[in-house]
Amino acid sequence: MEVPVYNPYNSRNRMFTQKDIHSILHKHDCEYTVKNLTIFQNAMVHSSYVKRAEYTTPQGDTAQLAEKPTDCLELFPESYERLEHLGDSILGAATATYLSIRFPTQQEGFLTNLRKEIVCNNMLGELTKKIRLNEFYIISKHNEDACNGRYNVKKLGDILEAFIGALWIDCEYNFQIVYAFVVSLIETHIDIPGILRNDTNFKDQLQKFCQTKFHYTPTYVMLSSNNGYTMAAVDGKGTHLGTGTGTTKKQGEQLAAQDALKKFKV
């Protein structure tokens, strides 16, 4: 029986150069000189383009590795996953620091939710494309073709986090260097006022308003479960701020919060 061939090689892959990295960093207020080029190159490598002891087809059958075409990169010894894990934490810390400075009077809930919006997969994926980091994504041809991998915003955020992880290690854990880069990314490419205007989480909006204006956090009680869930947003004394009926408790709570915001004319 003929053994299937596993062919991950992709002629569209490009190797990261020091010039490429410096171009991205220097355009974003990070006048840093890279010391270890390899760690940044590893930050671009998807697990589908890594050397393995054994290979399988996309269907799970044992396969032998195809011969590498002359116009393709060699497979890499490791992927970006460890760097991504590290970069995720550093990006979160830098973003939280930036928001706490930009919004010094806002409560923890406001800052947490805005940070989540900034570091969500789609936002990071769009950022990756805007700084053209996706051009250096090293991925198997199958993965690129199957899910449009080089332009799939749900996947691209991983390499931005890995890039930040690589920068963190290369600069010997100098937070100010990474922080300057992250702040420039946010201020150059992310419309924070737009995020705040388009916030449709009415519970979160009501919580921010009540905490800022009245120094309490509203809670929710169920008034009825007949023909849907009728919920009420209540203050610390049990006074109803607004009511709403939805097909689920969560929807009812959102509608109750929306009703309360209308009554407060927020």
C-alpha atoms as a PDB file:
ATOM      1  CA  MET A   1       0.000   0.000   0.000  1.00  0.00           C
ATOM      2  CA  GLU A   2       1.380   3.385  -1.004  1.00  0.00           C
ATOM      3  CA  VAL A   3       2.090   5.731   1.913  1.00  0.00           C
ATOM      4  CA  PRO A   4       0.425   9.159   1.530  1.00  0.00           C
ATOM      5  CA  VAL A   5       2.682  12.187   1.197  1.00  0.00           C
ATOM      6  CA  TYR A   6       2.450  15.110   3.619  1.00  0.00           C
ATOM      7  CA  ASN A   7       3.404  18.344   1.888  1.00  0.00           C
ATOM      8  CA  PRO A   8       3.360  21.428   4.140  1.00  0.00           C
ATOM      9  CA  TYR A   9       5.697  23.470   1.941  1.00  0.00           C
ATOM     10  CA  ASN A  10       4.440  26.885   0.949  1.00  0.00           C
ATOM     11  CA  SER A  11       6.241  29.114  -1.547  1.00  0.00           C
ATOM     12  CA  ARG A  12       4.354  32.169  -0.245  1.00  0.00           C
ATOM     13  CA  ASN A  13       6.201  32.070   3.089  1.00  0.00           C
ATOM     14  CA  ARG A  14       8.777  34.832   3.593  1.00  0.00           C
ATOM     15  CA  MET A  15      11.565  34.901   6.158  1.00  0.00           C
ATOM     16  CA  PHE A  16      11.521  37.823   8.602  1.00  0.00           C
ATOM     17  CA  THR A  17      14.620  40.032   8.270  1.00  0.00           C
ATOM     18  CA  GLN A  18      16.046  42.475  10.778  1.00  0.00           C
ATOM     19  CA  LYS A  19      15.096  45.309   8.403  1.00  0.00           C
ATOM     20  CA  ASP A  20      11.469  44.116   8.382  1.00  0.00           C
ATOM     21  CA  ILE A  21      11.331  43.995  12.178  1.00  0.00           C
ATOM     22  CA  HIS A  22      12.939  47.413  12.598  1.00  0.00           C
ATOM     23  CA  SER A  23      10.491  48.886  10.083  1.00  0.00           C
ATOM     24  CA  ILE A  24       7.536  47.702  12.190  1.00  0.00           C
ATOM     25  CA  LEU A  25       9.084  48.779  15.500  1.00  0.00           C
ATOM     26  CA  HIS A  26      10.376  52.171  14.376  1.00  0.00           C
ATOM     27  CA  LYS A  27       7.035  53.130  12.834  1.00  0.00           C
ATOM     28  CA  HIS A  28       5.494  52.586  16.264  1.00  0.00           C
ATOM     29  CA  ASP A  29       7.690  54.654  18.595  1.00  0.00           C
ATOM     30  CA  CYS A  30      10.018  51.778  19.437  1.00  0.00           C
ATOM     31  CA  GLU A  31      13.578  52.756  18.503  1.00  0.00           C
ATOM     32  CA  TYR A  32      14.950  49.363  19.407  1.00  0.00           C
ATOM     33  CA  THR A  33      17.718  47.340  17.728  1.00  0.00           C
ATOM     34  CA  VAL A  34      17.028  43.619  17.516  1.00  0.00           C
ATOM     35  CA  LYS A  35      19.675  41.355  19.058  1.00  0.00           C
ATOM     36  CA  ASN A  36      18.356  37.863  18.311  1.00  0.00           C
ATOM     37  CA  LEU A  37      16.754  37.646  14.878  1.00  0.00           C
ATOM     38  CA  THR A  38      15.896  33.963  15.294  1.00  0.00           C
ATOM     39  CA  ILE A  39      13.430  34.525  18.127  1.00  0.00           C
ATOM     40  CA  PHE A  40      11.436  36.968  15.971  1.00  0.00           C
ATOM     41  CA  GLN A  41      11.475  34.522  13.072  1.00  0.00           C
ATOM     42  CA  ASN A  42      10.165  31.775  15.363  1.00  0.00           C
ATOM     43  CA  ALA A  43       7.355  34.129  16.404  1.00  0.00           C
ATOM     44  CA  MET A  44       5.934  33.839  12.880  1.00  0.00           C
ATOM     45  CA  VAL A  45       5.864  30.029  12.633  1.00  0.00           C
ATOM     46  CA  HIS A  46       2.525  28.213  12.747  1.00  0.00           C
ATOM     47  CA  SER A  47       2.533  24.651  14.103  1.00  0.00           C
ATOM     48  CA  SER A  48       1.684  23.342  10.614  1.00  0.00           C
ATOM     49  CA  TYR A  49       5.183  24.337   9.426  1.00  0.00           C
ATOM     50  CA  VAL A  50       7.182  22.591  12.155  1.00  0.00           C
ATOM     51  CA  LYS A  51       9.416  19.504  11.912  1.00  0.00           C
ATOM     52  CA  ARG A  52       7.894  16.411  13.517  1.00  0.00           C
ATOM     53  CA  ALA A  53       8.958  12.893  14.358  1.00  0.00           C
ATOM     54  CA  GLU A  54       5.927  11.587  12.460  1.00  0.00           C
ATOM     55  CA  TYR A  55       3.615  13.144   9.883  1.00  0.00           C
ATOM     56  CA  THR A  56      -0.050  12.618   9.140  1.00  0.00           C
ATOM     57  CA  THR A  57      -2.370  13.791   6.397  1.00  0.00           C
ATOM     58  CA  PRO A  58      -5.172  16.277   7.207  1.00  0.00           C
ATOM     59  CA  GLN A  59      -7.391  13.181   7.430  1.00  0.00           C
ATOM     60  CA  GLY A  60      -5.180  11.661  10.148  1.00  0.00           C
ATOM     61  CA  ASP A  61      -3.432   8.957   8.102  1.00  0.00           C
ATOM     62  CA  THR A  62       0.274   8.235   8.577  1.00  0.00           C
ATOM     63  CA  ALA A  63       2.276   9.983   5.870  1.00  0.00           C
ATOM     64  CA  GLN A  64       5.807  10.610   4.706  1.00  0.00           C
ATOM     65  CA  LEU A  65       7.188  14.106   4.337  1.00  0.00           C
ATOM     66  CA  ALA A  66       7.411  15.430   0.785  1.00  0.00           C
ATOM     67  CA  GLU A  67      10.697  16.622  -0.667  1.00  0.00           C
ATOM     68  CA  LYS A  68      11.172  20.353  -0.143  1.00  0.00           C
ATOM     69  CA  PRO A  69      10.812  22.466  -3.295  1.00  0.00           C
ATOM     70  CA  THR A  70      13.732  24.800  -3.947  1.00  0.00           C
ATOM     71  CA  ASP A  71      11.578  27.925  -3.590  1.00  0.00           C
ATOM     72  CA  CYS A  72      10.298  27.039  -0.096  1.00  0.00           C
ATOM     73  CA  LEU A  73      11.648  27.548   3.420  1.00  0.00           C
ATOM     74  CA  GLU A  74      12.826  24.602   5.498  1.00  0.00           C
ATOM     75  CA  LEU A  75      10.481  23.438   8.253  1.00  0.00           C
ATOM     76  CA  PHE A  76      11.206  25.029  11.635  1.00  0.00           C
ATOM     77  CA  PRO A  77      12.092  23.272  14.916  1.00  0.00           C
ATOM     78  CA  GLU A  78       9.326  25.000  16.901  1.00  0.00           C
ATOM     79  CA  SER A  79       6.229  27.150  16.505  1.00  0.00           C
ATOM     80  CA  TYR A  80       5.242  30.489  18.005  1.00  0.00           C
ATOM     81  CA  GLU A  81       2.999  28.979  20.698  1.00  0.00           C
ATOM     82  CA  ARG A  82       5.251  29.574  23.733  1.00  0.00           C
ATOM     83  CA  LEU A  83       5.989  33.127  22.597  1.00  0.00           C
ATOM     84  CA  GLU A  84       2.280  33.711  22.006  1.00  0.00           C
ATOM     85  CA  HIS A  85       1.487  32.610  25.563  1.00  0.00           C
ATOM     86  CA  LEU A  86       4.090  35.020  26.940  1.00  0.00           C
ATOM     87  CA  GLY A  87       3.104  37.869  24.632  1.00  0.00           C
ATOM     88  CA  ASP A  88      -0.555  37.546  25.579  1.00  0.00           C
ATOM     89  CA  SER A  89       0.314  38.312  29.214  1.00  0.00           C
ATOM     90  CA  ILE A  90       2.652  41.200  28.369  1.00  0.00           C
ATOM     91  CA  LEU A  91       0.148  42.737  25.951  1.00  0.00           C
ATOM     92  CA  GLY A  92      -2.550  42.525  28.616  1.00  0.00           C
ATOM     93  CA  ALA A  93      -0.332  44.208  31.214  1.00  0.00           C
ATOM     94  CA  ALA A  94       0.740  46.980  28.833  1.00  0.00           C
ATOM     95  CA  THR A  95      -2.839  47.622  27.717  1.00  0.00           C
ATOM     96  CA  ALA A  96      -4.116  47.687  31.305  1.00  0.00           C
ATOM     97  CA  THR A  97      -1.375  50.155  32.269  1.00  0.00           C
ATOM     98  CA  TYR A  98      -2.180  52.407  29.317  1.00  0.00           C
ATOM     99  CA  LEU A  99      -5.916  52.457  30.043  1.00  0.00           C
ATOM    100  CA  SER A 100      -5.412  53.176  33.747  1.00  0.00           C
ATOM    101  CA  ILE A 101      -3.339  56.229  32.786  1.00  0.00           C
ATOM    102  CA  ARG A 102      -5.701  57.381  30.030  1.00  0.00           C
ATOM    103  CA  PHE A 103      -8.831  56.967  32.176  1.00  0.00           C
ATOM    104  CA  PRO A 104      -7.661  57.770  35.735  1.00  0.00           C
ATOM    105  CA  THR A 105     -11.170  58.234  37.198  1.00  0.00           C
ATOM    106  CA  GLN A 106     -12.868  55.180  35.687  1.00  0.00           C
ATOM    107  CA  GLN A 107     -13.798  52.117  37.737  1.00  0.00           C
ATOM    108  CA  GLU A 108     -12.243  48.673  37.368  1.00  0.00           C
ATOM    109  CA  GLY A 109     -15.205  47.305  35.396  1.00  0.00           C
ATOM    110  CA  PHE A 110     -14.898  49.980  32.712  1.00  0.00           C
ATOM    111  CA  LEU A 111     -11.147  49.393  32.350  1.00  0.00           C
ATOM    112  CA  THR A 112     -11.489  45.605  32.252  1.00  0.00           C
ATOM    113  CA  ASN A 113     -14.158  45.621  29.565  1.00  0.00           C
ATOM    114  CA  LEU A 114     -12.319  48.140  27.400  1.00  0.00           C
ATOM    115  CA  ARG A 115      -9.124  46.095  27.696  1.00  0.00           C
ATOM    116  CA  LYS A 116     -11.048  43.006  26.568  1.00  0.00           C
ATOM    117  CA  GLU A 117     -12.286  44.887  23.503  1.00  0.00           C
ATOM    118  CA  ILE A 118      -8.757  45.961  22.590  1.00  0.00           C
ATOM    119  CA  VAL A 119      -7.099  42.542  22.995  1.00  0.00           C
ATOM    120  CA  CYS A 120      -9.897  40.408  21.522  1.00  0.00           C
ATOM    121  CA  ASN A 121      -8.975  38.082  18.635  1.00  0.00           C
ATOM    122  CA  ASN A 122     -10.621  40.122  15.897  1.00  0.00           C
ATOM    123  CA  MET A 123      -9.041  43.391  17.008  1.00  0.00           C
ATOM    124  CA  LEU A 124      -5.572  41.842  17.241  1.00  0.00           C
ATOM    125  CA  GLY A 125      -6.052  40.184  13.859  1.00  0.00           C
ATOM    126  CA  GLU A 126      -6.926  43.511  12.265  1.00  0.00           C
ATOM    127  CA  LEU A 127      -3.910  45.107  13.965  1.00  0.00           C
ATOM    128  CA  THR A 128      -1.672  42.367  12.569  1.00  0.00           C
ATOM    129  CA  LYS A 129      -2.827  43.161   9.048  1.00  0.00           C
ATOM    130  CA  LYS A 130      -2.502  46.917   9.529  1.00  0.00           C
ATOM    131  CA  ILE A 131       1.167  46.626  10.468  1.00  0.00           C
ATOM    132  CA  ARG A 132       1.626  43.989   7.725  1.00  0.00           C
ATOM    133  CA  LEU A 133       2.940  41.380  10.125  1.00  0.00           C
ATOM    134  CA  ASN A 134       0.821  38.766   8.328  1.00  0.00           C
ATOM    135  CA  GLU A 135       3.132  39.022   5.302  1.00  0.00           C
ATOM    136  CA  PHE A 136       5.716  37.100   7.341  1.00  0.00           C
ATOM    137  CA  TYR A 137       3.350  34.432   8.688  1.00  0.00           C
ATOM    138  CA  ILE A 138       4.953  31.032   8.071  1.00  0.00           C
ATOM    139  CA  ILE A 139       2.191  28.499   7.548  1.00  0.00           C
ATOM    140  CA  SER A 140       1.606  25.312   5.565  1.00  0.00           C
ATOM    141  CA  LYS A 141       0.020  25.652   2.138  1.00  0.00           C
ATOM    142  CA  HIS A 142      -2.908  23.498   3.250  1.00  0.00           C
ATOM    143  CA  ASN A 143      -3.638  25.693   6.271  1.00  0.00           C
ATOM    144  CA  GLU A 144      -3.279  28.880   4.265  1.00  0.00           C
ATOM    145  CA  ASP A 145      -5.646  27.664   1.554  1.00  0.00           C
ATOM    146  CA  ALA A 146      -8.160  25.928   3.836  1.00  0.00           C
ATOM    147  CA  CYS A 147      -8.877  28.894   6.115  1.00  0.00           C
ATOM    148  CA  ASN A 148      -7.319  31.835   4.238  1.00  0.00           C
ATOM    149  CA  GLY A 149      -4.755  31.736   7.031  1.00  0.00           C
ATOM    150  CA  ARG A 150      -2.660  34.737   6.034  1.00  0.00           C
ATOM    151  CA  TYR A 151      -5.706  37.030   6.153  1.00  0.00           C
ATOM    152  CA  ASN A 152      -7.917  35.306   8.732  1.00  0.00           C
ATOM    153  CA  VAL A 153      -8.315  37.863  11.534  1.00  0.00           C
ATOM    154  CA  LYS A 154      -9.415  35.159  13.993  1.00  0.00           C
ATOM    155  CA  LYS A 155      -5.989  33.503  13.630  1.00  0.00           C
ATOM    156  CA  LEU A 156      -3.628  36.409  13.003  1.00  0.00           C
ATOM    157  CA  GLY A 157      -3.721  37.825  16.527  1.00  0.00           C
ATOM    158  CA  ASP A 158      -1.576  34.891  17.635  1.00  0.00           C
ATOM    159  CA  ILE A 159       1.468  36.118  15.728  1.00  0.00           C
ATOM    160  CA  LEU A 160       1.111  39.669  17.046  1.00  0.00           C
ATOM    161  CA  GLU A 161       1.132  38.274  20.593  1.00  0.00           C
ATOM    162  CA  ALA A 162       4.120  36.077  19.700  1.00  0.00           C
ATOM    163  CA  PHE A 163       5.925  39.096  18.204  1.00  0.00           C
ATOM    164  CA  ILE A 164       5.389  40.999  21.459  1.00  0.00           C
ATOM    165  CA  GLY A 165       6.639  37.957  23.385  1.00  0.00           C
ATOM    166  CA  ALA A 166       9.775  37.897  21.218  1.00  0.00           C
ATOM    167  CA  LEU A 167      10.350  41.615  21.796  1.00  0.00           C
ATOM    168  CA  TRP A 168       9.921  41.108  25.559  1.00  0.00           C
ATOM    169  CA  ILE A 169      12.607  38.426  25.646  1.00  0.00           C
ATOM    170  CA  ASP A 170      14.958  40.160  23.208  1.00  0.00           C
ATOM    171  CA  CYS A 171      14.916  43.464  25.131  1.00  0.00           C
ATOM    172  CA  GLU A 172      15.668  41.526  28.333  1.00  0.00           C
ATOM    173  CA  TYR A 173      12.262  42.157  29.897  1.00  0.00           C
ATOM    174  CA  ASN A 174      12.383  45.951  29.635  1.00  0.00           C
ATOM    175  CA  PHE A 175       8.724  46.865  30.089  1.00  0.00           C
ATOM    176  CA  GLN A 176       9.144  50.447  28.842  1.00  0.00           C
ATOM    177  CA  ILE A 177      10.340  49.256  25.430  1.00  0.00           C
ATOM    178  CA  VAL A 178       7.368  46.937  24.942  1.00  0.00           C
ATOM    179  CA  TYR A 179       4.983  49.448  26.490  1.00  0.00           C
ATOM    180  CA  ALA A 180       6.002  52.168  24.005  1.00  0.00           C
ATOM    181  CA  PHE A 181       5.319  49.799  21.112  1.00  0.00           C
ATOM    182  CA  VAL A 182       1.920  48.689  22.449  1.00  0.00           C
ATOM    183  CA  VAL A 183       0.784  52.247  23.204  1.00  0.00           C
ATOM    184  CA  SER A 184       1.706  53.344  19.684  1.00  0.00           C
ATOM    185  CA  LEU A 185      -0.229  50.397  18.219  1.00  0.00           C
ATOM    186  CA  ILE A 186      -3.306  51.361  20.221  1.00  0.00           C
ATOM    187  CA  GLU A 187      -3.162  55.091  19.559  1.00  0.00           C
ATOM    188  CA  THR A 188      -2.324  54.714  15.865  1.00  0.00           C
ATOM    189  CA  HIS A 189      -4.718  51.959  14.861  1.00  0.00           C
ATOM    190  CA  ILE A 190      -7.542  51.594  17.423  1.00  0.00           C
ATOM    191  CA  ASP A 191     -10.506  53.961  17.662  1.00  0.00           C
ATOM    192  CA  ILE A 192     -11.190  53.880  21.399  1.00  0.00           C
ATOM    193  CA  PRO A 193     -13.918  56.576  21.276  1.00  0.00           C
ATOM    194  CA  GLY A 194     -15.599  54.495  18.576  1.00  0.00           C
ATOM    195  CA  ILE A 195     -15.466  51.387  20.767  1.00  0.00           C
ATOM    196  CA  LEU A 196     -17.083  53.303  23.610  1.00  0.00           C
ATOM    197  CA  ARG A 197     -19.794  54.751  21.332  1.00  0.00           C
ATOM    198  CA  ASN A 198     -20.668  51.339  19.929  1.00  0.00           C
ATOM    199  CA  ASP A 199     -20.851  49.549  23.275  1.00  0.00           C
ATOM    200  CA  THR A 200     -24.105  47.525  23.239  1.00  0.00           C
ATOM    201  CA  ASN A 201     -23.516  45.841  26.593  1.00  0.00           C
ATOM    202  CA  PHE A 202     -26.236  47.756  28.434  1.00  0.00           C
ATOM    203  CA  LYS A 203     -25.549  45.981  31.738  1.00  0.00           C
ATOM    204  CA  ASP A 204     -21.957  47.124  31.589  1.00  0.00           C
ATOM    205  CA  GLN A 205     -22.992  50.674  30.653  1.00  0.00           C
ATOM    206  CA  LEU A 206     -25.470  50.822  33.534  1.00  0.00           C
ATOM    207  CA  GLN A 207     -22.874  49.475  35.956  1.00  0.00           C
ATOM    208  CA  LYS A 208     -20.331  52.107  34.863  1.00  0.00           C
ATOM    209  CA  PHE A 209     -22.940  54.862  35.186  1.00  0.00           C
ATOM    210  CA  CYS A 210     -24.190  53.788  38.620  1.00  0.00           C
ATOM    211  CA  GLN A 211     -20.704  53.243  40.014  1.00  0.00           C
ATOM    212  CA  THR A 212     -19.543  56.655  38.802  1.00  0.00           C
ATOM    213  CA  LYS A 213     -22.703  58.616  39.631  1.00  0.00           C
ATOM    214  CA  PHE A 214     -24.133  56.857  42.698  1.00  0.00           C
ATOM    215  CA  HIS A 215     -21.296  54.601  43.947  1.00  0.00           C
ATOM    216  CA  TYR A 216     -23.258  51.344  43.847  1.00  0.00           C
ATOM    217  CA  THR A 217     -23.456  48.360  41.495  1.00  0.00           C
ATOM    218  CA  PRO A 218     -26.951  47.489  40.222  1.00  0.00           C
ATOM    219  CA  THR A 219     -28.233  43.935  40.605  1.00  0.00           C
ATOM    220  CA  TYR A 220     -30.969  42.014  38.785  1.00  0.00           C
ATOM    221  CA  VAL A 221     -34.046  40.166  40.025  1.00  0.00           C
ATOM    222  CA  MET A 222     -36.577  38.078  38.137  1.00  0.00           C
ATOM    223  CA  LEU A 223     -40.135  39.397  38.286  1.00  0.00           C
ATOM    224  CA  SER A 224     -41.762  36.723  36.133  1.00  0.00           C
ATOM    225  CA  SER A 225     -40.938  33.675  34.018  1.00  0.00           C
ATOM    226  CA  ASN A 226     -44.280  33.545  32.180  1.00  0.00           C
ATOM    227  CA  ASN A 227     -43.996  34.260  28.450  1.00  0.00           C
ATOM    228  CA  GLY A 228     -40.290  34.941  28.744  1.00  0.00           C
ATOM    229  CA  TYR A 229     -38.145  36.224  31.568  1.00  0.00           C
ATOM    230  CA  THR A 230     -39.076  39.614  32.996  1.00  0.00           C
ATOM    231  CA  MET A 231     -36.113  41.036  34.861  1.00  0.00           C
ATOM    232  CA  ALA A 232     -35.617  44.213  36.871  1.00  0.00           C
ATOM    233  CA  ALA A 233     -32.447  46.195  37.437  1.00  0.00           C
ATOM    234  CA  VAL A 234     -32.441  47.351  41.059  1.00  0.00           C
ATOM    235  CA  ASP A 235     -30.331  49.689  43.150  1.00  0.00           C
ATOM    236  CA  GLY A 236     -28.846  49.023  46.573  1.00  0.00           C
ATOM    237  CA  LYS A 237     -32.188  49.710  48.275  1.00  0.00           C
ATOM    238  CA  GLY A 238     -34.186  47.405  46.012  1.00  0.00           C
ATOM    239  CA  THR A 239     -35.739  50.200  43.948  1.00  0.00           C
ATOM    240  CA  HIS A 240     -36.481  49.189  40.362  1.00  0.00           C
ATOM    241  CA  LEU A 241     -34.367  51.163  37.911  1.00  0.00           C
ATOM    242  CA  GLY A 242     -35.758  49.508  34.789  1.00  0.00           C
ATOM    243  CA  THR A 243     -37.460  46.334  33.570  1.00  0.00           C
ATOM    244  CA  GLY A 244     -37.220  44.164  30.466  1.00  0.00           C
ATOM    245  CA  THR A 245     -38.553  40.871  29.115  1.00  0.00           C
ATOM    246  CA  GLY A 246     -36.446  38.507  27.020  1.00  0.00           C
ATOM    247  CA  THR A 247     -36.362  34.902  25.903  1.00  0.00           C
ATOM    248  CA  THR A 248     -33.500  34.261  28.347  1.00  0.00           C
ATOM    249  CA  LYS A 249     -32.555  35.729  31.709  1.00  0.00           C
ATOM    250  CA  LYS A 250     -29.470  37.340  30.184  1.00  0.00           C
ATOM    251  CA  GLN A 251     -31.512  39.023  27.477  1.00  0.00           C
ATOM    252  CA  GLY A 252     -34.052  40.183  30.047  1.00  0.00           C
ATOM    253  CA  GLU A 253     -31.262  41.693  32.148  1.00  0.00           C
ATOM    254  CA  GLN A 254     -29.825  43.515  29.140  1.00  0.00           C
ATOM    255  CA  LEU A 255     -33.240  44.946  28.272  1.00  0.00           C
ATOM    256  CA  ALA A 256     -33.819  45.966  31.894  1.00  0.00           C
ATOM    257  CA  ALA A 257     -30.466  47.748  31.904  1.00  0.00           C
ATOM    258  CA  GLN A 258     -31.318  49.445  28.608  1.00  0.00           C
ATOM    259  CA  ASP A 259     -34.640  50.606  30.080  1.00  0.00           C
ATOM    260  CA  ALA A 260     -32.843  51.998  33.133  1.00  0.00           C
ATOM    261  CA  LEU A 261     -30.359  53.879  30.951  1.00  0.00           C
ATOM    262  CA  LYS A 262     -33.237  55.469  29.037  1.00  0.00           C
ATOM    263  CA  LYS A 263     -34.845  56.573  32.309  1.00  0.00           C
ATOM    264  CA  PHE A 264     -31.538  58.051  33.443  1.00  0.00           C
ATOM    265  CA  LYS A 265     -31.296  59.677  29.979  1.00  0.00           C
ATOM    266  CA  VAL A 266     -27.848  58.202  29.474  1.00  0.00           C
END
